[in-house]
Amino acid sequence: MRAPISFWTTRNLPSTSPFNIWKDFDQFFDDVSSRPVATTNEFLPPAEFSETEKSYLFSFDLPGLKKEEIKIEMFENTLTVSGERKQEKHFEDQQTQRVEKSYGSFKRSFALPKNADSDKVEAKYENGVLELMIPKIEAAPVKKISVS
C-alpha cells in the first residue's frame, strides 16, 4: 500500500526559511478572511469622472439617499458632493446578524480645471445615481497684435 501523498505548503516552512514571506502572506489572508466585513460606519460612495470636448462629467453611486439629502457645492473650481446615509431599523425586535452596508456621512471633493463653468452645472439624480455635467468655458480666441 502506498503512503498518502502530502502536499508541501507554505504553512510547513520553518521560520528560518528564505521563503517565509509566503508564509506571512498566507497568514495575512487567513486573518483577513476571518475579520468581520464591516468594521466602520464610513460611507464613501464610488465616483466616476470623464471628460468630453465640451464638458466634465461626474457620476456617483448613492443608493438609499433621497435627492434632498445630497448637497452639491462649487467653490473656486472645487466640486464638493456630500450627504449622509443613515441606518434604518426595520423591526423593534430585530437582531442584526451581519452588516455589510456602509452608513454615515460622506464628503467627496474634486479640483476642476479653470475652464469649468461653475455657473452652468447640471445635476440629475435617478435610481441612486447622481450625474453631474459641468460645461467647459470656451477659450477666448487669441488676438493677434501687430507691432508698429
N, C-alpha and C. Protein backbone atom coordinates (compact mmCIF):
# COMPACT_ATOMS: atom_id res chain seq x y z
N MET A 1 0.83 -1.18 0.00
CA MET A 1 0.00 0.00 0.00
C MET A 1 0.88 1.24 0.00
N ARG A 2 0.50 2.19 -0.81
CA ARG A 2 1.29 3.43 -0.90
C ARG A 2 0.90 4.39 0.22
N ALA A 3 1.88 5.17 0.61
CA ALA A 3 1.62 6.22 1.61
C ALA A 3 0.87 7.36 0.91
N PRO A 4 -0.02 8.03 1.62
CA PRO A 4 -0.74 9.15 1.00
C PRO A 4 0.23 10.26 0.59
N ILE A 5 -0.11 10.89 -0.49
CA ILE A 5 0.72 12.00 -0.99
C ILE A 5 0.49 13.20 -0.10
N SER A 6 1.57 13.79 0.38
CA SER A 6 1.41 15.01 1.16
C SER A 6 1.88 16.18 0.31
N PHE A 7 1.08 17.21 0.31
CA PHE A 7 1.42 18.39 -0.46
C PHE A 7 2.19 19.36 0.41
N TRP A 8 3.25 19.89 -0.16
CA TRP A 8 4.07 20.85 0.54
C TRP A 8 3.39 22.21 0.47
N THR A 9 3.17 22.85 1.58
CA THR A 9 2.55 24.18 1.60
C THR A 9 3.46 25.13 2.35
N THR A 10 3.15 26.39 2.25
CA THR A 10 3.94 27.39 2.95
C THR A 10 3.75 27.30 4.45
N ARG A 11 2.68 26.68 4.89
CA ARG A 11 2.43 26.55 6.34
C ARG A 11 3.47 25.64 7.01
N ASN A 12 4.11 24.75 6.23
CA ASN A 12 5.08 23.81 6.77
C ASN A 12 6.51 24.36 6.76
N LEU A 13 6.67 25.58 6.30
CA LEU A 13 8.02 26.14 6.20
C LEU A 13 8.59 26.45 7.58
N PRO A 14 9.87 26.18 7.79
CA PRO A 14 10.48 26.60 9.05
C PRO A 14 10.59 28.13 9.08
N SER A 15 10.61 28.68 10.26
CA SER A 15 10.63 30.14 10.38
C SER A 15 11.90 30.76 9.84
N THR A 16 12.96 29.96 9.67
CA THR A 16 14.22 30.47 9.14
C THR A 16 14.30 30.36 7.63
N SER A 17 13.27 29.85 7.00
CA SER A 17 13.29 29.66 5.55
C SER A 17 13.32 31.01 4.83
N PRO A 18 14.06 31.10 3.72
CA PRO A 18 14.06 32.35 2.94
C PRO A 18 12.70 32.59 2.29
N PHE A 19 11.85 31.57 2.23
CA PHE A 19 10.52 31.72 1.64
C PHE A 19 9.46 32.03 2.69
N ASN A 20 9.89 32.42 3.87
CA ASN A 20 8.97 32.70 4.96
C ASN A 20 8.01 33.84 4.63
N ILE A 21 8.38 34.71 3.70
CA ILE A 21 7.49 35.80 3.30
C ILE A 21 6.16 35.24 2.79
N TRP A 22 6.21 34.09 2.11
CA TRP A 22 4.98 33.48 1.60
C TRP A 22 4.11 32.96 2.74
N LYS A 23 4.76 32.50 3.79
CA LYS A 23 4.01 32.05 4.96
C LYS A 23 3.29 33.25 5.58
N ASP A 24 4.00 34.38 5.67
CA ASP A 24 3.38 35.60 6.18
C ASP A 24 2.23 36.04 5.28
N PHE A 25 2.43 35.90 3.99
CA PHE A 25 1.39 36.26 3.02
C PHE A 25 0.14 35.41 3.24
N ASP A 26 0.31 34.10 3.37
CA ASP A 26 -0.82 33.21 3.64
C ASP A 26 -1.50 33.56 4.95
N GLN A 27 -0.71 33.85 5.97
CA GLN A 27 -1.27 34.18 7.28
C GLN A 27 -2.10 35.46 7.21
N PHE A 28 -1.62 36.43 6.44
CA PHE A 28 -2.36 37.69 6.29
C PHE A 28 -3.75 37.43 5.72
N PHE A 29 -3.82 36.63 4.66
CA PHE A 29 -5.11 36.37 4.04
C PHE A 29 -6.00 35.48 4.90
N ASP A 30 -5.41 34.60 5.71
CA ASP A 30 -6.22 33.84 6.66
C ASP A 30 -6.84 34.77 7.67
N ASP A 31 -6.05 35.76 8.15
CA ASP A 31 -6.56 36.73 9.10
C ASP A 31 -7.65 37.59 8.49
N VAL A 32 -7.46 38.02 7.25
CA VAL A 32 -8.43 38.89 6.58
C VAL A 32 -9.77 38.17 6.41
N SER A 33 -9.72 36.89 6.02
CA SER A 33 -10.96 36.16 5.77
C SER A 33 -11.76 35.93 7.04
N SER A 34 -11.13 35.98 8.20
CA SER A 34 -11.86 35.77 9.44
C SER A 34 -12.31 37.07 10.09
N ARG A 35 -11.93 38.21 9.50
CA ARG A 35 -12.33 39.50 10.04
C ARG A 35 -13.78 39.81 9.67
N PRO A 36 -14.48 40.58 10.49
CA PRO A 36 -15.83 40.99 10.10
C PRO A 36 -15.75 41.89 8.88
N VAL A 37 -16.74 41.83 8.04
CA VAL A 37 -16.72 42.58 6.78
C VAL A 37 -16.82 44.08 7.04
N ALA A 38 -17.78 44.49 7.86
CA ALA A 38 -17.97 45.92 8.12
C ALA A 38 -17.37 46.26 9.47
N THR A 39 -16.29 47.01 9.48
CA THR A 39 -15.65 47.37 10.74
C THR A 39 -15.89 48.82 11.12
N THR A 40 -16.35 49.63 10.17
CA THR A 40 -16.64 51.04 10.46
C THR A 40 -17.94 51.42 9.80
N ASN A 41 -18.43 52.58 10.13
CA ASN A 41 -19.64 53.09 9.51
C ASN A 41 -19.32 54.07 8.40
N GLU A 42 -18.10 54.08 7.93
CA GLU A 42 -17.71 55.03 6.90
C GLU A 42 -18.39 54.69 5.58
N PHE A 43 -19.01 55.69 5.00
CA PHE A 43 -19.68 55.53 3.71
C PHE A 43 -18.94 56.41 2.72
N LEU A 44 -18.28 55.80 1.76
CA LEU A 44 -17.53 56.53 0.75
C LEU A 44 -18.04 56.08 -0.62
N PRO A 45 -19.00 56.83 -1.17
CA PRO A 45 -19.59 56.39 -2.43
C PRO A 45 -18.60 56.44 -3.58
N PRO A 46 -18.63 55.44 -4.44
CA PRO A 46 -17.73 55.43 -5.60
C PRO A 46 -18.13 56.51 -6.60
N ALA A 47 -17.14 57.02 -7.31
CA ALA A 47 -17.38 58.08 -8.29
C ALA A 47 -16.65 57.75 -9.58
N GLU A 48 -17.21 58.24 -10.67
CA GLU A 48 -16.54 58.14 -11.97
C GLU A 48 -16.43 59.55 -12.54
N PHE A 49 -15.35 59.78 -13.26
CA PHE A 49 -15.10 61.09 -13.87
C PHE A 49 -14.71 60.86 -15.31
N SER A 50 -15.31 61.65 -16.20
CA SER A 50 -14.91 61.60 -17.60
C SER A 50 -14.98 63.01 -18.17
N GLU A 51 -14.42 63.14 -19.36
CA GLU A 51 -14.35 64.45 -19.99
C GLU A 51 -14.69 64.30 -21.46
N THR A 52 -15.50 65.25 -21.94
CA THR A 52 -15.77 65.31 -23.36
C THR A 52 -15.15 66.60 -23.89
N GLU A 53 -15.34 66.85 -25.15
CA GLU A 53 -14.79 68.08 -25.74
C GLU A 53 -15.40 69.33 -25.12
N LYS A 54 -16.68 69.21 -24.68
CA LYS A 54 -17.39 70.40 -24.20
C LYS A 54 -17.73 70.39 -22.71
N SER A 55 -17.48 69.27 -22.00
CA SER A 55 -17.87 69.25 -20.58
C SER A 55 -17.10 68.20 -19.78
N TYR A 56 -17.23 68.35 -18.44
CA TYR A 56 -16.72 67.38 -17.48
C TYR A 56 -17.93 66.65 -16.91
N LEU A 57 -17.83 65.32 -16.78
CA LEU A 57 -18.95 64.52 -16.32
C LEU A 57 -18.56 63.74 -15.07
N PHE A 58 -19.42 63.76 -14.07
CA PHE A 58 -19.23 63.02 -12.83
C PHE A 58 -20.43 62.12 -12.61
N SER A 59 -20.18 60.96 -12.04
CA SER A 59 -21.25 60.04 -11.67
C SER A 59 -20.92 59.47 -10.29
N PHE A 60 -21.90 59.49 -9.38
CA PHE A 60 -21.72 59.00 -8.02
C PHE A 60 -22.80 57.96 -7.72
N ASP A 61 -22.42 56.82 -7.16
CA ASP A 61 -23.39 55.83 -6.71
C ASP A 61 -23.81 56.18 -5.29
N LEU A 62 -25.08 56.55 -5.12
CA LEU A 62 -25.59 56.96 -3.82
C LEU A 62 -26.87 56.21 -3.47
N PRO A 63 -26.82 54.88 -3.42
CA PRO A 63 -28.04 54.13 -3.15
C PRO A 63 -28.60 54.44 -1.77
N GLY A 64 -29.92 54.51 -1.69
CA GLY A 64 -30.57 54.73 -0.41
C GLY A 64 -30.71 56.18 0.00
N LEU A 65 -30.20 57.11 -0.79
CA LEU A 65 -30.33 58.52 -0.45
C LEU A 65 -31.45 59.16 -1.26
N LYS A 66 -32.11 60.12 -0.64
CA LYS A 66 -33.09 60.93 -1.35
C LYS A 66 -32.36 62.14 -1.90
N LYS A 67 -32.88 62.72 -2.98
CA LYS A 67 -32.17 63.84 -3.59
C LYS A 67 -32.05 65.02 -2.63
N GLU A 68 -32.99 65.14 -1.67
CA GLU A 68 -32.93 66.24 -0.69
C GLU A 68 -31.77 66.06 0.30
N GLU A 69 -31.23 64.85 0.39
CA GLU A 69 -30.15 64.56 1.33
C GLU A 69 -28.76 64.75 0.71
N ILE A 70 -28.72 65.15 -0.55
CA ILE A 70 -27.45 65.32 -1.25
C ILE A 70 -27.15 66.81 -1.38
N LYS A 71 -25.93 67.19 -1.05
CA LYS A 71 -25.51 68.59 -1.13
C LYS A 71 -24.39 68.70 -2.16
N ILE A 72 -24.56 69.61 -3.12
CA ILE A 72 -23.55 69.82 -4.17
C ILE A 72 -23.11 71.27 -4.09
N GLU A 73 -21.80 71.49 -4.01
CA GLU A 73 -21.26 72.85 -3.91
C GLU A 73 -20.09 73.02 -4.88
N MET A 74 -19.97 74.23 -5.41
CA MET A 74 -18.80 74.62 -6.22
C MET A 74 -18.22 75.87 -5.59
N PHE A 75 -16.94 75.82 -5.28
CA PHE A 75 -16.26 76.98 -4.72
C PHE A 75 -14.84 77.01 -5.26
N GLU A 76 -14.51 78.09 -5.94
CA GLU A 76 -13.16 78.28 -6.52
C GLU A 76 -12.70 77.03 -7.27
N ASN A 77 -13.52 76.58 -8.21
CA ASN A 77 -13.24 75.42 -9.07
C ASN A 77 -13.02 74.12 -8.30
N THR A 78 -13.63 74.01 -7.12
CA THR A 78 -13.64 72.75 -6.39
C THR A 78 -15.08 72.28 -6.26
N LEU A 79 -15.33 71.09 -6.77
CA LEU A 79 -16.65 70.47 -6.68
C LEU A 79 -16.67 69.62 -5.42
N THR A 80 -17.70 69.80 -4.59
CA THR A 80 -17.86 69.00 -3.38
C THR A 80 -19.27 68.41 -3.37
N VAL A 81 -19.33 67.10 -3.19
CA VAL A 81 -20.60 66.38 -3.06
C VAL A 81 -20.59 65.75 -1.67
N SER A 82 -21.65 66.01 -0.89
CA SER A 82 -21.70 65.47 0.47
C SER A 82 -23.12 65.03 0.79
N GLY A 83 -23.25 64.29 1.87
CA GLY A 83 -24.54 63.81 2.32
C GLY A 83 -24.35 62.80 3.44
N GLU A 84 -25.43 62.10 3.77
CA GLU A 84 -25.36 61.10 4.83
C GLU A 84 -26.37 59.99 4.54
N ARG A 85 -25.90 58.76 4.69
CA ARG A 85 -26.81 57.61 4.58
C ARG A 85 -26.96 57.04 5.98
N LYS A 86 -28.21 57.06 6.47
CA LYS A 86 -28.49 56.62 7.83
C LYS A 86 -29.01 55.18 7.83
N GLN A 87 -28.62 54.46 8.87
CA GLN A 87 -29.08 53.08 9.01
C GLN A 87 -30.52 53.09 9.51
N GLU A 88 -31.35 52.29 8.87
CA GLU A 88 -32.75 52.22 9.26
C GLU A 88 -33.00 50.95 10.07
N LYS A 89 -33.84 51.08 11.07
CA LYS A 89 -34.28 49.91 11.84
C LYS A 89 -35.63 49.51 11.29
N HIS A 90 -35.74 48.27 10.84
CA HIS A 90 -36.99 47.81 10.25
C HIS A 90 -37.96 47.27 11.29
N PHE A 91 -37.46 46.59 12.29
CA PHE A 91 -38.31 46.00 13.31
C PHE A 91 -37.73 46.28 14.69
N GLU A 92 -38.61 46.48 15.66
CA GLU A 92 -38.16 46.77 17.02
C GLU A 92 -37.37 45.61 17.63
N ASP A 93 -37.82 44.36 17.36
CA ASP A 93 -37.21 43.20 18.00
C ASP A 93 -36.14 42.52 17.15
N GLN A 94 -35.70 43.18 16.10
CA GLN A 94 -34.71 42.54 15.21
C GLN A 94 -33.33 42.57 15.83
N GLN A 95 -32.58 41.51 15.61
CA GLN A 95 -31.18 41.44 15.99
C GLN A 95 -30.37 41.33 14.71
N THR A 96 -29.46 42.26 14.50
CA THR A 96 -28.65 42.24 13.29
C THR A 96 -27.60 41.15 13.41
N GLN A 97 -27.52 40.28 12.42
CA GLN A 97 -26.57 39.20 12.41
C GLN A 97 -25.29 39.57 11.66
N ARG A 98 -25.45 40.38 10.63
CA ARG A 98 -24.29 40.76 9.81
C ARG A 98 -24.61 42.08 9.11
N VAL A 99 -23.67 42.99 9.11
CA VAL A 99 -23.85 44.27 8.44
C VAL A 99 -22.74 44.42 7.41
N GLU A 100 -23.11 44.48 6.14
CA GLU A 100 -22.14 44.67 5.07
C GLU A 100 -22.33 46.01 4.38
N LYS A 101 -23.43 46.68 4.65
CA LYS A 101 -23.66 48.01 4.08
C LYS A 101 -22.88 49.04 4.89
N SER A 102 -22.54 50.13 4.24
CA SER A 102 -21.85 51.23 4.91
C SER A 102 -22.82 52.36 5.15
N TYR A 103 -22.69 52.99 6.30
CA TYR A 103 -23.55 54.10 6.66
C TYR A 103 -22.69 55.24 7.18
N GLY A 104 -23.26 56.42 7.18
CA GLY A 104 -22.58 57.58 7.74
C GLY A 104 -22.54 58.72 6.75
N SER A 105 -21.88 59.79 7.17
CA SER A 105 -21.79 60.95 6.30
C SER A 105 -20.57 60.81 5.39
N PHE A 106 -20.63 61.48 4.26
CA PHE A 106 -19.52 61.44 3.31
C PHE A 106 -19.33 62.82 2.73
N LYS A 107 -18.13 63.05 2.21
CA LYS A 107 -17.81 64.31 1.53
C LYS A 107 -16.72 64.00 0.52
N ARG A 108 -17.02 64.19 -0.76
CA ARG A 108 -16.05 63.97 -1.84
C ARG A 108 -15.79 65.31 -2.52
N SER A 109 -14.53 65.68 -2.68
CA SER A 109 -14.15 66.93 -3.32
C SER A 109 -13.21 66.67 -4.49
N PHE A 110 -13.40 67.44 -5.56
CA PHE A 110 -12.60 67.29 -6.77
C PHE A 110 -12.19 68.67 -7.26
N ALA A 111 -10.90 68.86 -7.53
CA ALA A 111 -10.42 70.11 -8.11
C ALA A 111 -10.67 70.06 -9.61
N LEU A 112 -11.30 71.10 -10.12
CA LEU A 112 -11.61 71.17 -11.54
C LEU A 112 -10.68 72.15 -12.24
N PRO A 113 -10.47 71.96 -13.53
CA PRO A 113 -9.66 72.91 -14.29
C PRO A 113 -10.33 74.29 -14.32
N LYS A 114 -9.56 75.29 -14.63
CA LYS A 114 -10.07 76.66 -14.64
C LYS A 114 -11.15 76.91 -15.69
N ASN A 115 -11.21 76.05 -16.70
CA ASN A 115 -12.21 76.27 -17.74
C ASN A 115 -13.56 75.61 -17.43
N ALA A 116 -13.75 75.12 -16.20
CA ALA A 116 -15.05 74.57 -15.80
C ALA A 116 -16.00 75.72 -15.48
N ASP A 117 -17.19 75.69 -16.06
CA ASP A 117 -18.18 76.75 -15.87
C ASP A 117 -19.07 76.41 -14.68
N SER A 118 -18.72 76.93 -13.51
CA SER A 118 -19.45 76.61 -12.28
C SER A 118 -20.86 77.20 -12.25
N ASP A 119 -21.16 78.14 -13.14
CA ASP A 119 -22.49 78.75 -13.18
C ASP A 119 -23.51 77.91 -13.94
N LYS A 120 -23.06 76.92 -14.67
CA LYS A 120 -23.97 76.15 -15.52
C LYS A 120 -23.93 74.65 -15.25
N VAL A 121 -23.72 74.26 -13.99
CA VAL A 121 -23.66 72.85 -13.61
C VAL A 121 -25.07 72.26 -13.68
N GLU A 122 -25.19 71.09 -14.28
CA GLU A 122 -26.47 70.38 -14.35
C GLU A 122 -26.36 69.11 -13.52
N ALA A 123 -27.35 68.88 -12.64
CA ALA A 123 -27.35 67.70 -11.78
C ALA A 123 -28.62 66.91 -12.01
N LYS A 124 -28.46 65.57 -12.09
CA LYS A 124 -29.60 64.68 -12.28
C LYS A 124 -29.41 63.50 -11.33
N TYR A 125 -30.49 63.16 -10.59
CA TYR A 125 -30.43 62.04 -9.66
C TYR A 125 -31.56 61.08 -9.98
N GLU A 126 -31.17 59.85 -10.33
CA GLU A 126 -32.17 58.84 -10.71
C GLU A 126 -31.66 57.45 -10.35
N ASN A 127 -32.52 56.65 -9.71
CA ASN A 127 -32.20 55.28 -9.34
C ASN A 127 -30.90 55.15 -8.54
N GLY A 128 -30.68 56.09 -7.62
CA GLY A 128 -29.50 56.02 -6.76
C GLY A 128 -28.20 56.47 -7.39
N VAL A 129 -28.28 57.07 -8.57
CA VAL A 129 -27.07 57.54 -9.26
C VAL A 129 -27.19 59.05 -9.49
N LEU A 130 -26.20 59.78 -8.99
CA LEU A 130 -26.12 61.22 -9.21
C LEU A 130 -25.19 61.48 -10.38
N GLU A 131 -25.68 62.22 -11.36
CA GLU A 131 -24.86 62.58 -12.53
C GLU A 131 -24.75 64.10 -12.60
N LEU A 132 -23.52 64.57 -12.76
CA LEU A 132 -23.25 66.00 -12.88
C LEU A 132 -22.58 66.27 -14.22
N MET A 133 -23.02 67.32 -14.88
CA MET A 133 -22.42 67.75 -16.13
C MET A 133 -21.98 69.19 -15.93
N ILE A 134 -20.69 69.42 -16.07
CA ILE A 134 -20.13 70.77 -15.89
C ILE A 134 -19.54 71.20 -17.22
N PRO A 135 -20.19 72.18 -17.88
CA PRO A 135 -19.68 72.61 -19.18
C PRO A 135 -18.32 73.31 -19.07
N LYS A 136 -17.61 73.27 -20.16
CA LYS A 136 -16.33 73.98 -20.24
C LYS A 136 -16.59 75.37 -20.81
N ILE A 137 -15.86 76.34 -20.31
CA ILE A 137 -15.91 77.69 -20.86
C ILE A 137 -15.06 77.70 -22.11
N GLU A 138 -15.63 78.22 -23.17
CA GLU A 138 -14.86 78.28 -24.41
C GLU A 138 -13.74 79.30 -24.26
N ALA A 139 -12.58 78.91 -24.69
CA ALA A 139 -11.43 79.81 -24.60
C ALA A 139 -11.62 80.98 -25.55
N ALA A 140 -11.26 82.13 -25.09
CA ALA A 140 -11.35 83.32 -25.93
C ALA A 140 -10.36 83.17 -27.09
N PRO A 141 -10.75 83.60 -28.27
CA PRO A 141 -9.81 83.48 -29.39
C PRO A 141 -8.57 84.33 -29.13
N VAL A 142 -7.48 83.85 -29.64
CA VAL A 142 -6.21 84.55 -29.48
C VAL A 142 -6.21 85.77 -30.39
N LYS A 143 -5.93 86.93 -29.77
CA LYS A 143 -5.86 88.18 -30.54
C LYS A 143 -4.44 88.36 -31.05
N LYS A 144 -4.34 88.67 -32.32
CA LYS A 144 -3.02 88.95 -32.88
C LYS A 144 -2.84 90.47 -32.87
N ILE A 145 -1.74 90.87 -32.35
CA ILE A 145 -1.45 92.31 -32.25
C ILE A 145 -0.22 92.58 -33.11
N SER A 146 -0.40 93.55 -33.96
CA SER A 146 0.72 93.88 -34.84
C SER A 146 1.62 94.89 -34.13
N VAL A 147 2.88 94.76 -34.40
CA VAL A 147 3.87 95.66 -33.80
C VAL A 147 4.14 96.78 -34.79
N SER A 148 4.10 98.03 -34.30
CA SER A 148 4.34 99.15 -35.21
C SER A 148 5.74 99.69 -35.05
